[in-house]
Each structure stands twice: as C-alpha cells, then as structure tokens.
C-alpha cells in the first residue's frame, strides 16, 4: 500500500502534519487522483523545506517548486530530486509570471506564505488565470482571517475568508448575472484552516432557461 500523505508529512516533519490539523487528509482526498501524474506544483512559503520534500515524495513524477521571500530558502532547492526554489514576493505579479514562464502552468498551487490578506488575494488573482483546467488552488491558514495581528477580524469586510466566501457564487455563475470573482470555478471546499478551490476542466455553457423558474 502506498504511503499516505499524512505519513509522508510526519516523516518529513512538516507542521501540516501536526496533531489536530486536518489539511493533509483533505488534500489527499482531493489530489490522490493525480498522484502518479507528472504534475507541476507551486507552493508559496518554503520555511525549512519540509513540505516541499513531502510533495516530492507524494508525487513521484511531479515537479515541485517553492516560492519564498527569504533568500535563505534557496538552500532547500534540490534540482536532482525535482525541487526548485524561487526567491521573491508572492504579491509581485510580474515575479510570479516569470516563474510560470519557467515551470509552465501549474496543476496545483498552495499558498502557505505570509497568511496576510493582501498577499493571499494578490497571489490567487495572479495565478488563478494560469492554473491548468482541472487544477487546484489551496489557501492555507485561513484562520488568520480572524486575527487582529494579521489586520483582519471576525466577518471583517475585505478579509481573506470573506473574499473566499464569494466563490460560492462563482461555482453557480451560469445561473446568475452577478459579478464573478474567479472564472471557471468548479468547487470550493472549506476545511479546518484551509480552503481548496478547483478549476473546471471544461467551460460550462449558460443554460437557455432556469429550471423551475415558472413553478409556483
């Protein structure tokens, strides 16, 4: 039996595998279908490189890329073992575009960076358009949306969590005439401390009529 993502995370010592956290089980539920594929993964936030090595082992044919603002993070690059590290700000759209030019459109993006709203939304806005159809965008540590030290708070307008709540309407965008935050959003799933967003594999056409519109 293949080693689970949680077991790999524990082996590498990533804090994503800490007791009480549910994110790795949630990720495996969503990502296991492409485990043996040659995915391109981009993770924002390198720290000690533990999660990059976890992803390398979970995706044996994948290309693993990390982004960090600290120049020290480059020591975790291991090109012989499919890990690259890019140094720059996750808020810099031009920097992110240059990364995509090098690695190609990502299949999976994981934002484990600053956990601040300006950075989280900037990265999502820059990378969602180049995320491959059928791909996943993951925003970690969304609980910081409730913390004053991150300049956010409970149901505070403009926080990351309030931004992500809008995606429920995007999943149903063919049924309304309102604005769309993320185009081609197939699903949005919230788990403890994390949000997993999937992009549609193919566009959906707007229906000619709304089922039940004329029902009493």
Protein backbone atom coordinates (compact mmCIF):
# COMPACT_ATOMS: atom_id res chain seq x y z
CA UNK A 1 0.00 0.00 0.00
CA UNK A 2 1.30 3.45 -0.90
CA UNK A 3 2.39 5.68 1.96
CA UNK A 4 -0.29 8.21 2.86
CA UNK A 5 0.29 11.95 2.57
CA UNK A 6 -0.03 12.23 6.34
CA UNK A 7 2.61 9.57 6.91
CA UNK A 8 4.94 11.27 4.43
CA UNK A 9 4.32 14.60 6.15
CA UNK A 10 5.12 13.12 9.55
CA UNK A 11 8.31 11.58 8.17
CA UNK A 12 9.48 14.94 6.87
CA UNK A 13 8.37 16.89 9.93
CA UNK A 14 6.10 19.40 8.22
CA UNK A 15 3.81 21.34 10.52
CA UNK A 16 0.96 20.45 8.16
CA UNK A 17 1.02 17.03 9.85
CA UNK A 18 0.76 18.38 13.40
CA UNK A 19 -1.85 16.67 15.62
CA UNK A 20 -5.29 18.23 15.29
CA UNK A 21 -4.71 19.54 11.76
CA UNK A 22 -6.91 18.04 9.06
CA UNK A 23 -5.40 19.56 5.95
CA UNK A 24 -3.31 16.60 4.76
CA UNK A 25 -6.27 14.23 4.89
CA UNK A 26 -8.29 16.83 2.96
CA UNK A 27 -5.53 17.26 0.39
CA UNK A 28 -5.22 13.54 -0.20
CA UNK A 29 -8.98 13.31 -0.67
CA UNK A 30 -8.72 15.85 -3.50
CA UNK A 31 -5.29 15.20 -5.01
CA UNK A 32 -4.93 11.42 -4.92
CA UNK A 33 -6.36 11.12 -8.44
CA UNK A 34 -3.23 12.77 -9.88
CA UNK A 35 -0.67 11.20 -7.53
CA UNK A 36 1.03 9.25 -10.32
CA UNK A 37 0.81 12.07 -12.87
CA UNK A 38 3.61 14.43 -13.90
CA UNK A 39 2.05 17.39 -12.07
CA UNK A 40 3.61 20.81 -11.71
CA UNK A 41 3.17 22.01 -8.13
CA UNK A 42 3.92 25.51 -6.84
CA UNK A 43 3.99 26.13 -3.10
CA UNK A 44 4.29 29.64 -1.69
CA UNK A 45 6.21 29.58 1.60
CA UNK A 46 9.25 27.33 1.96
CA UNK A 47 10.38 27.75 5.58
CA UNK A 48 12.52 24.63 6.29
CA UNK A 49 11.61 22.90 3.04
CA UNK A 50 9.80 20.05 4.79
CA UNK A 51 6.57 20.32 2.82
CA UNK A 52 8.44 20.59 -0.50
CA UNK A 53 10.10 17.25 0.28
CA UNK A 54 6.73 15.84 1.33
CA UNK A 55 5.22 16.82 -2.01
CA UNK A 56 8.22 15.40 -3.88
CA UNK A 57 7.67 12.02 -2.26
CA UNK A 58 3.90 12.09 -2.67
CA UNK A 59 4.13 12.95 -6.38
CA UNK A 60 6.94 10.67 -7.65
CA UNK A 61 6.63 12.06 -11.19
CA UNK A 62 5.87 15.64 -10.19
CA UNK A 63 7.91 18.84 -10.44
CA UNK A 64 7.95 20.65 -7.11
CA UNK A 65 8.51 24.40 -6.93
CA UNK A 66 8.73 26.67 -3.91
CA UNK A 67 8.45 30.44 -3.52
CA UNK A 68 9.81 32.38 -0.57
CA UNK A 69 10.74 35.97 0.20
CA UNK A 70 13.79 34.92 2.21
CA UNK A 71 16.99 34.34 0.19
CA UNK A 72 17.95 31.64 2.73
CA UNK A 73 15.18 29.41 1.37
CA UNK A 74 17.25 28.63 -1.72
CA UNK A 75 19.27 26.08 0.32
CA UNK A 76 16.24 23.77 0.06
CA UNK A 77 16.48 23.60 -3.71
CA UNK A 78 17.39 20.14 -4.98
CA UNK A 79 17.15 20.05 -8.75
CA UNK A 80 18.47 16.49 -8.88
CA UNK A 81 15.38 15.49 -6.90
CA UNK A 82 12.82 17.67 -8.70
CA UNK A 83 12.72 20.62 -6.26
CA UNK A 84 13.25 24.24 -7.35
CA UNK A 85 13.07 27.36 -5.18
CA UNK A 86 12.36 30.91 -6.41
CA UNK A 87 13.08 33.96 -4.26
CA UNK A 88 10.67 36.88 -4.39
CA UNK A 89 7.39 38.29 -3.10
CA UNK A 90 4.13 36.42 -3.57
CA UNK A 91 2.48 39.82 -4.03
CA UNK A 92 4.59 40.57 -7.12
CA UNK A 93 2.54 39.53 -10.16
CA UNK A 94 5.47 40.05 -12.54
CA UNK A 95 7.68 37.78 -10.42
CA UNK A 96 5.00 35.07 -10.37
CA UNK A 97 4.55 35.39 -14.14
CA UNK A 98 8.29 34.81 -14.65
CA UNK A 99 8.08 31.64 -12.55
CA UNK A 100 5.21 30.33 -14.66
CA UNK A 101 7.18 31.15 -17.81
CA UNK A 102 9.93 28.83 -16.48
CA UNK A 103 7.95 25.97 -14.99
CA UNK A 104 4.81 26.06 -17.13
CA UNK A 105 1.22 26.43 -15.99
CA UNK A 106 0.79 24.78 -12.57
CA UNK A 107 -1.59 21.94 -11.79
CA UNK A 108 -1.54 22.69 -8.07
CA UNK A 109 -0.85 25.92 -6.17
CA UNK A 110 -0.58 26.01 -2.39
CA UNK A 111 -0.42 29.35 -0.58
CA UNK A 112 1.38 28.83 2.73
CA UNK A 113 3.09 32.21 2.60
CA UNK A 114 2.54 35.30 4.73
CA UNK A 115 -1.12 34.50 5.56
CA UNK A 116 -1.93 38.19 5.11
CA UNK A 117 -4.90 39.24 3.03
CA UNK A 118 -3.01 41.47 0.62
CA UNK A 119 -0.62 38.65 -0.27
CA UNK A 120 -3.18 35.86 -0.32
CA UNK A 121 -5.55 37.66 -2.67
CA UNK A 122 -2.74 39.02 -4.86
CA UNK A 123 -1.30 35.54 -5.41
CA UNK A 124 -4.69 34.00 -6.09
CA UNK A 125 -5.59 36.74 -8.56
CA UNK A 126 -2.27 36.38 -10.39
CA UNK A 127 -2.07 32.58 -10.51
CA UNK A 128 -5.69 31.50 -10.99
CA UNK A 129 -5.76 32.51 -14.69
CA UNK A 130 -2.72 30.31 -15.44
CA UNK A 131 -3.80 27.36 -13.27
CA UNK A 132 -4.43 24.42 -15.57
CA UNK A 133 -8.04 23.36 -16.20
CA UNK A 134 -8.94 20.76 -13.59
CA UNK A 135 -6.23 22.10 -11.27
CA UNK A 136 -6.41 23.01 -7.59
CA UNK A 137 -5.61 26.23 -5.73
CA UNK A 138 -5.21 25.85 -1.97
CA UNK A 139 -5.15 28.68 0.57
CA UNK A 140 -3.74 27.56 3.90
CA UNK A 141 -4.07 29.03 7.39
CA UNK A 142 -7.26 30.92 6.60
CA UNK A 143 -7.88 31.13 10.35
CA UNK A 144 -5.61 34.21 10.32
CA UNK A 145 -8.63 35.99 8.86
CA UNK A 146 -9.95 36.20 12.42
CA UNK A 147 -6.78 37.68 14.00
CA UNK A 148 -6.15 41.38 14.64
CA UNK A 149 -2.39 40.84 14.37
CA UNK A 150 -2.98 39.94 10.72
CA UNK A 151 -5.10 43.09 10.29
CA UNK A 152 -8.29 41.09 9.91
CA UNK A 153 -11.17 40.04 12.16
CA UNK A 154 -14.42 38.11 12.54
CA UNK A 155 -16.57 38.76 9.42
CA UNK A 156 -14.49 41.80 8.63
CA UNK A 157 -15.11 43.11 5.13
CA UNK A 158 -12.08 42.61 2.93
CA UNK A 159 -10.61 39.69 4.87
CA UNK A 160 -9.39 36.59 3.07
CA UNK A 161 -12.20 34.43 4.43
CA UNK A 162 -14.85 36.92 3.29
CA UNK A 163 -13.23 37.02 -0.15
CA UNK A 164 -13.30 33.23 -0.36
CA UNK A 165 -16.97 33.07 0.64
CA UNK A 166 -17.76 34.87 -2.63
CA UNK A 167 -16.58 31.82 -4.54
CA UNK A 168 -19.83 30.02 -3.70
CA UNK A 169 -21.47 32.32 -6.23
CA UNK A 170 -18.70 31.57 -8.74
CA UNK A 171 -19.48 27.85 -8.59
CA UNK A 172 -23.01 28.77 -9.69
CA UNK A 173 -22.08 31.57 -12.08
CA UNK A 174 -24.06 30.17 -15.00
CA UNK A 175 -27.24 30.76 -13.01
CA UNK A 176 -26.84 34.43 -12.16
CA UNK A 177 -25.98 37.75 -13.80
CA UNK A 178 -23.76 38.98 -10.98
CA UNK A 179 -20.03 39.57 -10.94
CA UNK A 180 -17.57 36.66 -10.88
CA UNK A 181 -14.53 36.58 -8.61
CA UNK A 182 -12.84 33.55 -10.20
CA UNK A 183 -13.88 32.33 -13.64
CA UNK A 184 -14.33 28.59 -14.26
CA UNK A 185 -14.54 27.77 -10.55
CA UNK A 186 -15.85 24.21 -10.26
CA UNK A 187 -15.89 23.81 -6.47
CA UNK A 188 -14.77 25.39 -3.23
CA UNK A 189 -14.26 23.28 -0.11
CA UNK A 190 -13.56 24.61 3.38
CA UNK A 191 -11.77 22.53 5.99
CA UNK A 192 -10.16 23.50 9.28
CA UNK A 193 -7.62 26.22 8.47
CA UNK A 194 -7.69 25.62 4.72
CA UNK A 195 -9.68 26.22 1.55
CA UNK A 196 -9.39 24.06 -1.60
CA UNK A 197 -10.60 25.55 -4.87
CA UNK A 198 -10.85 23.51 -8.07
CA UNK A 199 -10.87 24.89 -11.58
CA UNK A 200 -13.25 23.41 -14.14
CA UNK A 201 -11.77 21.04 -16.68
CA UNK A 202 -14.06 22.43 -19.38
CA UNK A 203 -16.17 25.60 -19.52
CA UNK A 204 -19.86 25.36 -18.72
CA UNK A 205 -22.41 26.95 -21.03
CA UNK A 206 -25.08 29.20 -19.58
CA UNK A 207 -28.48 27.42 -19.73
CA UNK A 208 -31.17 28.73 -22.03
CA UNK A 209 -33.65 28.78 -19.15
CA UNK A 210 -33.61 28.27 -15.42
CA UNK A 211 -35.17 25.04 -14.25
CA UNK A 212 -38.30 25.69 -12.28
CA UNK A 213 -38.40 29.42 -12.99
CA UNK A 214 -42.11 29.25 -13.85
CA UNK A 215 -43.02 26.93 -10.99
CA UNK A 216 -45.31 28.41 -8.35
